[in-house]
Amino acid sequence: MRKILFLVCLPLVLADAPALAAKPADAVIDGTWENACLPIGKNGRHGFIVRVTIARKTMTAVSQTYAHSNCDTPTVKIDYRAKIVARAVSGDAVDFDHVVTSITMTAQHPEVVTIYNADNANAGCGMGGGWVLDVPRQVEGRNCAPLMLPVAGTRLYERAWVVDGQLKIGSFPVVWANTSPDKRPTAPGLLVLHRVT
């Protein structure tokens, strides 16, 4: 009787085997990740939160800057979109290459709009004005001090680590010069992201 029961149940177990199998090692970075409010700027007067979503073939992120260190008043938002074109396990890390598809910036506070529209060649990513409250603008390839953003189509060579449920990415979103394999980061960045989903 046990043998018959085993033979009857075996096809059900085998049919469900892919669902029971462990995730590939590089899939540990997949999901949505976010850092806690991080003080930035002179004397830590501003706040900063990054939310990154990594899927098998896409990466999206929102970098949100706030007026104060407690992340209470949004001032500037950067939306990042990319295609993931390569992934591989590298020791205790995951290497992944993402190609920029778009980067937009949105001024979310009237004072930011005033500053970005100032009569200054470097203000507002060097766009020479035209900023409107809550209207995103394409900023690929622009110098949005202190960041020199890559143009659309740029391939970025990245590395990520997941340790104790926390994600650390080597370059993103601070360094944008990792445009060749020899510039792939070799150490985790300082931003600590926690899994949201």
Protein backbone atom coordinates (compact mmCIF):
# COMPACT_ATOMS: atom_id res chain seq x y z
CA MET A 1 0.00 0.00 0.00
CA ARG A 2 2.84 2.45 0.84
CA LYS A 3 4.49 1.70 -2.50
CA ILE A 4 1.27 2.44 -4.38
CA LEU A 5 0.75 5.70 -2.43
CA PHE A 6 4.36 6.75 -3.18
CA LEU A 7 3.93 6.05 -6.89
CA VAL A 8 0.65 8.00 -6.98
CA CYS A 9 2.16 11.03 -5.17
CA LEU A 10 5.51 11.02 -7.03
CA PRO A 11 4.16 12.79 -10.17
CA LEU A 12 2.66 15.52 -7.98
CA VAL A 13 5.97 16.12 -6.20
CA LEU A 14 7.92 16.16 -9.45
CA ALA A 15 5.42 18.49 -11.11
CA ASP A 16 5.95 20.96 -8.27
CA ALA A 17 9.75 20.58 -8.15
CA PRO A 18 10.56 23.85 -10.00
CA ALA A 19 8.46 25.80 -7.51
CA LEU A 20 10.25 24.12 -4.60
CA ALA A 21 13.74 24.65 -6.05
CA ALA A 22 15.95 27.33 -4.51
CA LYS A 23 16.25 30.67 -6.26
CA PRO A 24 19.33 31.14 -8.43
CA ALA A 25 22.08 32.81 -6.41
CA ASP A 26 21.85 36.03 -8.42
CA ALA A 27 18.11 36.31 -7.72
CA VAL A 28 18.82 37.39 -4.14
CA ILE A 29 19.10 41.00 -5.35
CA ASP A 30 15.64 40.92 -6.97
CA GLY A 31 12.94 42.89 -5.17
CA THR A 32 12.29 46.39 -3.90
CA TRP A 33 14.79 47.90 -1.48
CA GLU A 34 14.86 51.21 0.43
CA ASN A 35 17.19 52.98 2.84
CA ALA A 36 16.14 54.67 6.05
CA CYS A 37 16.10 58.47 5.99
CA LEU A 38 19.75 59.50 5.62
CA PRO A 39 21.04 62.97 6.57
CA ILE A 40 23.08 64.51 3.72
CA GLY A 41 24.46 67.90 2.70
CA LYS A 42 26.28 70.49 4.75
CA ASN A 43 26.09 69.48 8.42
CA GLY A 44 23.54 66.79 7.48
CA ARG A 45 20.80 69.38 7.04
CA HIS A 46 18.91 67.57 4.25
CA GLY A 47 17.40 64.08 4.05
CA PHE A 48 17.70 61.39 1.38
CA ILE A 49 15.81 58.17 0.62
CA VAL A 50 16.45 55.83 -2.30
CA ARG A 51 13.99 53.14 -3.39
CA VAL A 52 15.41 50.60 -5.86
CA THR A 53 13.52 47.84 -7.64
CA ILE A 54 15.54 45.13 -9.35
CA ALA A 55 13.84 42.52 -11.49
CA ARG A 56 15.31 39.94 -13.80
CA LYS A 57 15.82 42.38 -16.69
CA THR A 58 14.99 45.83 -15.31
CA MET A 59 16.13 48.27 -12.68
CA THR A 60 14.14 51.28 -11.54
CA ALA A 61 14.94 53.70 -8.76
CA VAL A 62 13.67 56.88 -7.16
CA SER A 63 16.15 59.07 -5.29
CA GLN A 64 14.23 61.51 -3.13
CA THR A 65 15.86 64.52 -1.46
CA TYR A 66 14.16 66.34 1.39
CA ALA A 67 14.53 69.84 2.84
CA HIS A 68 15.35 68.57 6.34
CA SER A 69 17.26 65.67 7.86
CA ASN A 70 14.04 64.00 9.07
CA CYS A 71 12.81 63.58 5.44
CA ASP A 72 9.68 65.66 5.95
CA THR A 73 9.51 68.01 2.92
CA PRO A 74 10.30 66.69 -0.59
CA THR A 75 12.47 69.01 -2.68
CA VAL A 76 13.97 67.08 -5.63
CA LYS A 77 13.19 63.66 -7.08
CA ILE A 78 15.29 61.71 -9.59
CA ASP A 79 13.68 58.78 -11.42
CA TYR A 80 16.05 56.23 -12.95
CA ARG A 81 15.12 53.53 -15.50
CA ALA A 82 17.46 50.89 -16.94
CA LYS A 83 17.61 47.51 -18.64
CA ILE A 84 19.67 44.81 -16.95
CA VAL A 85 21.70 43.20 -19.75
CA ALA A 86 23.99 40.83 -17.80
CA ARG A 87 24.02 39.16 -14.39
CA ALA A 88 26.46 36.74 -12.77
CA VAL A 89 27.47 35.57 -9.34
CA SER A 90 30.95 36.80 -8.39
CA GLY A 91 32.08 35.28 -5.08
CA ASP A 92 29.83 36.71 -2.38
CA ALA A 93 28.42 39.37 -4.74
CA VAL A 94 26.27 39.66 -7.85
CA ASP A 95 27.64 41.47 -10.88
CA PHE A 96 24.99 43.11 -13.02
CA ASP A 97 25.25 45.48 -15.95
CA HIS A 98 22.47 47.99 -16.54
CA VAL A 99 21.94 50.22 -19.57
CA VAL A 100 20.42 53.65 -18.92
CA THR A 101 17.05 54.16 -20.61
CA SER A 102 15.98 57.38 -18.87
CA ILE A 103 16.75 59.72 -15.99
CA THR A 104 14.29 62.44 -15.05
CA MET A 105 14.47 65.09 -12.35
CA THR A 106 11.50 66.81 -10.74
CA ALA A 107 11.68 70.03 -8.70
CA GLN A 108 9.12 69.61 -5.92
CA HIS A 109 9.49 72.83 -3.94
CA PRO A 110 9.02 76.45 -5.10
CA GLU A 111 12.45 77.48 -3.75
CA VAL A 112 14.10 74.73 -5.80
CA VAL A 113 12.35 75.97 -8.93
CA THR A 114 13.65 79.49 -8.22
CA ILE A 115 17.20 78.22 -7.72
CA TYR A 116 17.08 76.01 -10.84
CA ASN A 117 15.77 78.89 -12.96
CA ALA A 118 18.42 81.34 -11.71
CA ASP A 119 20.47 83.26 -14.27
CA ASN A 120 23.44 80.95 -13.81
CA ALA A 121 24.86 78.63 -16.46
CA ASN A 122 25.22 75.77 -13.96
CA ALA A 123 21.82 76.09 -12.26
CA GLY A 124 19.24 73.37 -12.75
CA CYS A 125 21.53 70.89 -14.56
CA GLY A 126 22.67 73.65 -16.92
CA MET A 127 19.32 73.82 -18.70
CA GLY A 128 19.13 77.60 -18.67
CA GLY A 129 15.78 77.78 -16.88
CA GLY A 130 12.40 76.37 -17.82
CA TRP A 131 11.85 74.43 -14.58
CA VAL A 132 8.24 74.14 -13.43
CA LEU A 133 7.04 72.84 -10.08
CA ASP A 134 6.31 69.06 -10.15
CA VAL A 135 7.08 68.70 -13.87
CA PRO A 136 9.83 66.11 -14.58
CA ARG A 137 12.61 66.88 -17.07
CA GLN A 138 15.01 64.54 -18.87
CA VAL A 139 18.50 64.93 -17.42
CA GLU A 140 20.52 62.12 -19.03
CA GLY A 141 24.04 63.34 -19.83
CA ARG A 142 23.64 66.46 -17.70
CA ASN A 143 25.83 67.83 -14.93
CA CYS A 144 23.38 68.01 -12.05
CA ALA A 145 25.98 68.96 -9.44
CA PRO A 146 27.36 67.10 -7.70
CA LEU A 147 26.39 64.31 -10.14
CA MET A 148 27.52 63.98 -13.75
CA LEU A 149 24.74 61.78 -15.09
CA PRO A 150 25.31 59.33 -17.97
CA VAL A 151 23.60 59.62 -21.34
CA ALA A 152 20.85 57.16 -22.34
CA GLY A 153 22.38 53.99 -23.72
CA THR A 154 25.36 54.04 -21.33
CA ARG A 155 26.23 50.63 -19.92
CA LEU A 156 27.12 50.69 -16.23
CA TYR A 157 29.08 47.84 -14.65
CA GLU A 158 27.73 47.27 -11.16
CA ARG A 159 28.19 44.88 -8.24
CA ALA A 160 25.84 44.25 -5.31
CA TRP A 161 26.07 42.43 -2.00
CA VAL A 162 23.25 41.08 0.19
CA VAL A 163 24.39 40.55 3.77
CA ASP A 164 22.02 39.88 6.67
CA GLY A 165 19.07 40.84 4.50
CA GLN A 166 20.57 44.20 3.55
CA LEU A 167 21.51 45.25 0.02
CA LYS A 168 24.60 47.33 -0.69
CA ILE A 169 25.34 48.43 -4.24
CA GLY A 170 28.90 49.39 -5.14
CA SER A 171 28.33 52.57 -7.18
CA PHE A 172 24.64 53.43 -7.56
CA PRO A 173 23.34 56.11 -6.98
CA VAL A 174 26.47 58.10 -6.08
CA VAL A 175 29.06 57.11 -8.69
CA TRP A 176 28.25 57.10 -12.42
CA ALA A 177 31.73 56.59 -13.88
CA ASN A 178 31.67 52.76 -13.82
CA THR A 179 31.34 52.62 -17.61
CA SER A 180 33.79 49.77 -18.31
CA PRO A 181 34.41 46.34 -16.74
CA ASP A 182 37.63 47.53 -15.08
CA LYS A 183 35.61 50.20 -13.24
CA ARG A 184 33.19 47.71 -11.69
CA PRO A 185 33.17 48.40 -7.93
CA THR A 186 35.13 46.04 -5.69
CA ALA A 187 33.60 47.07 -2.37
CA PRO A 188 30.06 47.82 -1.16
CA GLY A 189 28.90 51.42 -1.15
CA LEU A 190 27.87 53.16 2.07
CA LEU A 191 24.12 53.18 1.32
CA VAL A 192 22.33 50.36 3.18
CA LEU A 193 19.04 49.25 1.61
CA HIS A 194 16.43 47.10 3.36
CA ARG A 195 14.02 44.82 1.52
CA VAL A 196 10.52 46.26 1.10
CA THR A 197 9.13 43.43 -1.08
